[in-house]
Structures are given as C-alpha cells and as structure tokens.
C-alpha cells in the first residue's frame, strides 16, 4: 500500500499548486453524472490518472469525470476516484478534496481493500485507510504522520446534505431532532471537508438522503460513498444507506448512486430507527 500513499501524496502537491493558479471557469461539457465540469476538474483528473496508471500494481481506473473505466494489460488493483470533490465551491475559497477507493479485481463493495482522501485547504492533508487508518499533514517540505484518529460513540456536528424542500418529512424530523439536542450545523457543500471535520472532531453525522429530485441519492458509490464508508468504519464509526451497511450494497454501473449516512455509533443508530 505504500506505493499508493506516495502516489496520492505526489498528486496532492500538484493539485494544491493547480488550485492556487487556475481559473474556476465552467466548461460547456458535463460529466457522466450530469454535473457541469470546470476546467480544473479535467486537469486534476489527468494528474491523478497519470499517477495511478504509472503504478505496476494498478490494472485500471475509473473517475467521476469519465464515462468508462480505463484498463491496462497487467496489474491487480482498480482505483475509483473523484479528482476534485466540491469543485463548485472553489470560487468561494472553501476547502475541497479528492477521494479514492482501491478495489481488488472488480469494482464491487466487497472488493474494496483500502480508501483515501485528500483535503486541499489551509493545510494539505491525507487520510489513508487499509488495515488501519493513517493521517498525514504536509508541512511544505515533507509529509508528517499524525496520531491516528478514532470516532467517539457520539458527537455534536450535524452536516445535512440535499435541498431541504425535497426531503421526506421523516428525514426533516430526524435532522431537527439532532438540532434540538444541541448539535451544531456544519455544512459547506463539500463532502470531503464536512466528513473530515466530523472525523477530526471525533463525532457527528453527515447525511445525504434520498430526495424527491434524487430518489437514489446523489453521491456515487464507487468514488465517494464506499471509500468514506470504509474510512469511517476503520475509525470506529458506521455508514449506512438508512437501513443497510453501505459496504454490502451492490453496484449497478460505475456511476451508480446511493443515499448515505456516515457518523458515530449513536447518531447512526438514530438514523436506523427513523428509516426502519
């Protein structure tokens, strides 16, 4: 797994520099999920693609920005990645990130063996999870390993995604119940910074439910949902679609989506009560 960590770290440094100098203009094109692309999305995608396909152990990659996976003639691992999650908030100068899922042989949740994400913010950070969770911060010269992170049984952060007017009544009641208990609203519109904050603060709930305008959820299983589910479970948390463990869900195409809830044990148990 060390080769993957090094590749992610090298890509992170290049993309961080790209974010400092590139325009955030939209293109006329959309990706396979229907999102309007920024020029910087395409550039970040290319940086990561080249880094990963240069690894001998990598057999293929798929990206949020591509309609199909790219395969080589050798290797054992497949990487699904979102090159620049939250790119629509770059113009507001908010933190964004990259997300990676490492799969063995096929793009299926049962074959996910490691996951990672990068945070591009005031600090450049990398979280990598395989058998255990590793946390790195770049100090301008080298990557410094940090103490490992573990979630408490509950927290005080509530990060609810999706347009509220499209929520089901039971979901709105669930979210309101957390606020009534004193939870603080923390939602930037970026999956990486919001889930990273919950992890660093050691507890809370991130939710992106099924909605009237996205009945299967909006977030993509291979690029976003499964990797964060893997990381949260390694940190002692839980990740479900409302009823089922996310890492037991099937995949219907590389851009398949799912409702998703990530958090500490007590918050996820409350979600399960609501949705069961």
Protein backbone atom coordinates (compact mmCIF):
# COMPACT_ATOMS: atom_id res chain seq x y z
CA UNK A 1 0.00 0.00 0.00
CA UNK A 2 3.00 2.30 0.37
CA UNK A 3 3.09 2.94 -3.40
CA UNK A 4 -0.48 4.21 -3.27
CA UNK A 5 0.27 6.55 -0.38
CA UNK A 6 3.23 8.04 -2.25
CA UNK A 7 1.18 8.42 -5.46
CA UNK A 8 -1.63 10.19 -3.58
CA UNK A 9 0.85 12.46 -1.81
CA UNK A 10 2.53 13.43 -5.08
CA UNK A 11 -0.81 14.08 -6.78
CA UNK A 12 -1.91 16.15 -3.77
CA UNK A 13 1.05 18.51 -4.06
CA UNK A 14 0.48 19.04 -7.80
CA UNK A 15 -3.25 19.67 -7.41
CA UNK A 16 -2.69 22.03 -4.47
CA UNK A 17 -0.45 24.15 -6.73
CA UNK A 18 -3.02 23.91 -9.52
CA UNK A 19 -5.71 25.27 -7.20
CA UNK A 20 -3.55 28.30 -6.40
CA UNK A 21 -3.10 29.32 -10.02
CA UNK A 22 -6.04 28.04 -12.09
CA UNK A 23 -9.28 29.79 -13.02
CA UNK A 24 -12.55 28.26 -11.81
CA UNK A 25 -14.48 28.74 -15.05
CA UNK A 26 -17.18 26.28 -16.09
CA UNK A 27 -16.92 24.43 -19.40
CA UNK A 28 -19.75 23.65 -21.80
CA UNK A 29 -19.39 19.93 -21.03
CA UNK A 30 -20.89 17.78 -18.27
CA UNK A 31 -19.53 14.60 -16.70
CA UNK A 32 -21.31 11.23 -16.68
CA UNK A 33 -23.21 12.18 -13.53
CA UNK A 34 -24.66 15.28 -15.19
CA UNK A 35 -22.51 17.83 -13.34
CA UNK A 36 -21.20 20.80 -15.32
CA UNK A 37 -17.42 20.49 -15.46
CA UNK A 38 -14.81 23.06 -14.57
CA UNK A 39 -11.52 23.23 -16.42
CA UNK A 40 -9.79 22.48 -13.13
CA UNK A 41 -11.81 19.23 -12.78
CA UNK A 42 -10.31 17.96 -16.04
CA UNK A 43 -6.77 18.99 -15.08
CA UNK A 44 -6.97 17.33 -11.66
CA UNK A 45 -8.42 14.20 -13.27
CA UNK A 46 -5.48 13.96 -15.66
CA UNK A 47 -2.90 14.41 -12.90
CA UNK A 48 -4.38 11.58 -10.85
CA UNK A 49 -4.93 9.30 -13.85
CA UNK A 50 -1.27 9.55 -14.88
CA UNK A 51 -0.01 8.97 -11.34
CA UNK A 52 -2.14 5.87 -10.81
CA UNK A 53 -1.70 4.23 -14.20
CA UNK A 54 2.07 4.54 -13.82
CA UNK A 55 1.91 2.08 -10.89
CA UNK A 56 2.64 -1.52 -11.94
CA UNK A 57 0.08 -2.87 -9.49
CA UNK A 58 -2.80 -0.86 -10.98
CA UNK A 59 -4.89 -2.65 -13.60
CA UNK A 60 -7.40 0.12 -14.25
CA UNK A 61 -9.02 3.35 -13.07
CA UNK A 62 -12.43 4.97 -13.23
CA UNK A 63 -13.26 8.56 -12.42
CA UNK A 64 -16.28 10.74 -11.82
CA UNK A 65 -15.16 12.73 -14.86
CA UNK A 66 -15.10 9.71 -17.22
CA UNK A 67 -17.95 7.72 -18.70
CA UNK A 68 -15.98 4.46 -18.69
CA UNK A 69 -13.08 2.84 -16.87
CA UNK A 70 -9.58 2.75 -18.39
CA UNK A 71 -7.72 -0.57 -18.24
CA UNK A 72 -4.13 -1.74 -18.79
CA UNK A 73 -2.83 -5.20 -19.68
CA UNK A 74 -1.45 -6.03 -16.24
CA UNK A 75 -1.88 -5.33 -12.54
CA UNK A 76 -4.24 -6.42 -9.77
CA UNK A 77 -5.86 -3.27 -8.41
CA UNK A 78 -8.60 -0.97 -9.64
CA UNK A 79 -8.90 2.63 -8.41
CA UNK A 80 -12.14 4.63 -8.44
CA UNK A 81 -11.66 8.30 -7.67
CA UNK A 82 -13.31 11.69 -7.56
CA UNK A 83 -10.49 14.01 -8.63
CA UNK A 84 -11.91 17.22 -7.19
CA UNK A 85 -14.88 16.74 -4.91
CA UNK A 86 -16.64 20.03 -4.13
CA UNK A 87 -15.12 21.90 -7.08
CA UNK A 88 -18.22 24.12 -7.31
CA UNK A 89 -17.20 25.80 -4.02
CA UNK A 90 -13.61 26.56 -5.08
CA UNK A 91 -14.64 30.03 -6.22
CA UNK A 92 -15.73 30.72 -2.62
CA UNK A 93 -12.22 29.73 -1.45
CA UNK A 94 -13.53 26.85 0.68
CA UNK A 95 -11.70 23.57 1.23
CA UNK A 96 -12.18 20.82 -1.36
CA UNK A 97 -10.72 17.35 -1.80
CA UNK A 98 -10.01 14.18 -3.75
CA UNK A 99 -11.44 10.74 -2.86
CA UNK A 100 -10.04 7.27 -3.72
CA UNK A 101 -11.28 3.70 -3.44
CA UNK A 102 -8.84 0.83 -4.06
CA UNK A 103 -10.54 -2.36 -5.27
CA UNK A 104 -9.17 -5.83 -5.90
CA UNK A 105 -10.04 -7.28 -9.34
CA UNK A 106 -13.57 -5.80 -9.74
CA UNK A 107 -15.39 -2.59 -8.80
CA UNK A 108 -17.56 -4.07 -6.04
CA UNK A 109 -18.01 -3.01 -2.42
CA UNK A 110 -16.90 -6.45 -1.17
CA UNK A 111 -13.60 -5.98 -3.03
CA UNK A 112 -12.73 -2.58 -1.53
CA UNK A 113 -9.44 -3.10 0.33
CA UNK A 114 -8.32 0.49 1.01
CA UNK A 115 -9.53 4.07 0.70
CA UNK A 116 -8.14 7.57 0.96
CA UNK A 117 -8.97 11.23 0.65
CA UNK A 118 -7.01 14.46 0.34
CA UNK A 119 -8.05 17.81 1.82
CA UNK A 120 -6.92 20.96 -0.03
CA UNK A 121 -7.38 23.74 2.50
CA UNK A 122 -5.29 25.93 4.79
CA UNK A 123 -3.33 22.69 5.28
CA UNK A 124 -2.71 19.89 2.79
CA UNK A 125 -3.78 16.63 4.44
CA UNK A 126 -4.15 12.95 3.52
CA UNK A 127 -6.18 10.24 5.23
CA UNK A 128 -5.38 6.68 4.13
CA UNK A 129 -7.12 3.56 5.43
CA UNK A 130 -6.27 -0.09 4.79
CA UNK A 131 -5.77 -2.40 7.78
CA UNK A 132 -5.59 0.75 9.91
CA UNK A 133 -6.16 4.46 9.47
CA UNK A 134 -3.18 6.76 8.76
CA UNK A 135 -3.22 10.57 8.87
CA UNK A 136 -0.61 12.82 7.20
CA UNK A 137 -0.08 16.59 7.03
CA UNK A 138 2.27 18.21 4.50
CA UNK A 139 4.48 20.84 6.15
CA UNK A 140 5.84 22.34 2.92
CA UNK A 141 8.85 20.01 2.83
CA UNK A 142 7.61 16.56 3.75
CA UNK A 143 4.58 14.61 4.90
CA UNK A 144 4.35 14.29 8.67
CA UNK A 145 2.47 11.32 10.11
CA UNK A 146 -0.06 12.33 12.77
CA UNK A 147 -1.60 10.36 15.64
CA UNK A 148 -4.35 8.04 14.44
CA UNK A 149 -7.98 9.18 14.60
CA UNK A 150 -10.93 7.41 16.21
CA UNK A 151 -14.55 8.49 16.49
CA UNK A 152 -16.31 8.67 19.84
CA UNK A 153 -19.69 6.99 20.29
CA UNK A 154 -21.38 10.35 19.60
CA UNK A 155 -20.54 13.90 18.64
CA UNK A 156 -22.09 17.35 18.24
CA UNK A 157 -21.81 18.08 14.49
CA UNK A 158 -24.76 17.79 12.09
CA UNK A 159 -23.97 18.01 8.35
CA UNK A 160 -27.22 17.55 6.37
CA UNK A 161 -26.96 17.44 2.57
CA UNK A 162 -29.62 17.77 -0.10
CA UNK A 163 -32.13 20.53 -0.78
CA UNK A 164 -34.46 20.69 2.22
CA UNK A 165 -37.66 21.23 0.24
CA UNK A 166 -37.05 17.80 -1.36
CA UNK A 167 -36.56 15.96 1.95
CA UNK A 168 -39.04 13.39 3.25
CA UNK A 169 -40.89 14.50 6.39
CA UNK A 170 -39.26 11.75 8.46
CA UNK A 171 -35.80 12.90 7.40
CA UNK A 172 -36.53 16.51 8.32
CA UNK A 173 -37.79 15.34 11.72
CA UNK A 174 -34.57 13.35 12.21
CA UNK A 175 -32.33 16.31 11.38
CA UNK A 176 -34.38 18.65 13.57
CA UNK A 177 -34.11 16.20 16.47
CA UNK A 178 -30.33 16.49 16.42
CA UNK A 179 -30.51 20.27 16.48
CA UNK A 180 -32.90 20.07 19.42
CA UNK A 181 -30.25 18.04 21.25
CA UNK A 182 -27.69 20.83 20.75
CA UNK A 183 -25.90 19.63 17.61
CA UNK A 184 -24.17 22.36 15.58
CA UNK A 185 -24.84 22.86 11.86
CA UNK A 186 -21.66 22.36 9.83
CA UNK A 187 -22.25 22.05 6.09
CA UNK A 188 -20.05 23.59 3.39
CA UNK A 189 -21.39 21.82 0.30
CA UNK A 190 -18.23 19.73 0.03
CA UNK A 191 -18.28 16.07 1.06
CA UNK A 192 -14.56 15.92 1.89
CA UNK A 193 -14.31 18.95 4.21
CA UNK A 194 -17.56 18.11 6.00
CA UNK A 195 -16.73 14.46 6.62
CA UNK A 196 -13.15 15.38 7.51
CA UNK A 197 -14.39 17.82 10.14
CA UNK A 198 -16.58 15.16 11.76
CA UNK A 199 -13.62 12.77 11.80
CA UNK A 200 -11.19 15.33 13.26
CA UNK A 201 -13.75 16.48 15.85
CA UNK A 202 -14.35 12.80 16.70
CA UNK A 203 -18.06 12.53 16.09
CA UNK A 204 -21.30 13.66 14.49
CA UNK A 205 -23.49 12.89 11.49
CA UNK A 206 -23.18 13.53 7.75
CA UNK A 207 -26.31 12.72 5.76
CA UNK A 208 -27.27 12.80 2.11
CA UNK A 209 -30.67 11.08 1.88
CA UNK A 210 -32.89 10.02 -0.94
CA UNK A 211 -34.85 13.11 -2.03
CA UNK A 212 -37.71 13.87 -4.38
CA UNK A 213 -35.28 15.12 -7.03
CA UNK A 214 -32.72 12.32 -6.39
CA UNK A 215 -34.65 9.23 -5.21
CA UNK A 216 -31.49 7.07 -5.38
CA UNK A 217 -29.37 9.67 -3.65
CA UNK A 218 -26.83 11.93 -5.33
CA UNK A 219 -23.44 10.67 -4.17
CA UNK A 220 -21.64 7.98 -6.20
CA UNK A 221 -20.96 4.61 -4.63
CA UNK A 222 -17.57 3.77 -6.13
CA UNK A 223 -15.95 7.22 -5.98
CA UNK A 224 -17.45 8.74 -2.84
CA UNK A 225 -19.79 6.55 -0.76
CA UNK A 226 -17.82 3.30 -0.45
CA UNK A 227 -14.43 4.94 0.22
CA UNK A 228 -15.80 7.10 3.03
CA UNK A 229 -17.77 4.14 4.44
CA UNK A 230 -14.52 2.16 4.59
CA UNK A 231 -12.67 5.04 6.29
CA UNK A 232 -15.43 5.68 8.83
CA UNK A 233 -15.65 2.04 9.79
CA UNK A 234 -11.87 1.91 10.27
CA UNK A 235 -12.22 4.96 12.55
CA UNK A 236 -14.80 3.17 14.69
CA UNK A 237 -17.85 4.78 13.08
CA UNK A 238 -20.69 3.45 10.96
CA UNK A 239 -22.01 4.04 7.43
CA UNK A 240 -25.46 3.03 6.14
CA UNK A 241 -27.98 3.91 3.43
CA UNK A 242 -30.65 4.34 6.10
CA UNK A 243 -31.15 0.62 6.71
CA UNK A 244 -28.26 -1.30 5.17
CA UNK A 245 -24.49 -1.20 5.63
CA UNK A 246 -23.10 0.74 2.68
CA UNK A 247 -20.23 -1.71 2.13
CA UNK A 248 -22.73 -4.50 1.46
CA UNK A 249 -24.59 -2.71 -1.35
CA UNK A 250 -24.41 -3.93 -4.97
CA UNK A 251 -23.22 -1.65 -7.80
CA UNK A 252 -25.20 -1.02 -10.98
CA UNK A 253 -22.65 0.72 -13.19
CA UNK A 254 -19.63 2.83 -12.26
CA UNK A 255 -21.73 5.97 -11.70
CA UNK A 256 -24.37 4.30 -9.52
CA UNK A 257 -25.53 6.39 -6.53
CA UNK A 258 -26.94 5.77 -3.05
CA UNK A 259 -28.42 7.63 -0.09
CA UNK A 260 -25.76 7.68 2.63
CA UNK A 261 -25.30 8.41 6.33
CA UNK A 262 -21.86 8.49 7.98
CA UNK A 263 -21.19 9.07 11.64
CA UNK A 264 -20.67 7.88 15.17
CA UNK A 265 -22.46 4.84 16.56
CA UNK A 266 -25.23 6.67 18.43
CA UNK A 267 -26.10 9.01 15.54
CA UNK A 268 -26.28 6.14 13.06
CA UNK A 269 -28.47 4.15 15.43
CA UNK A 270 -30.90 7.10 15.45
CA UNK A 271 -30.87 7.12 11.63
CA UNK A 272 -31.62 3.41 11.57
CA UNK A 273 -34.59 3.85 13.92
CA UNK A 274 -36.02 6.52 11.63
CA UNK A 275 -35.60 4.57 8.40
CA UNK A 276 -36.52 1.09 9.66
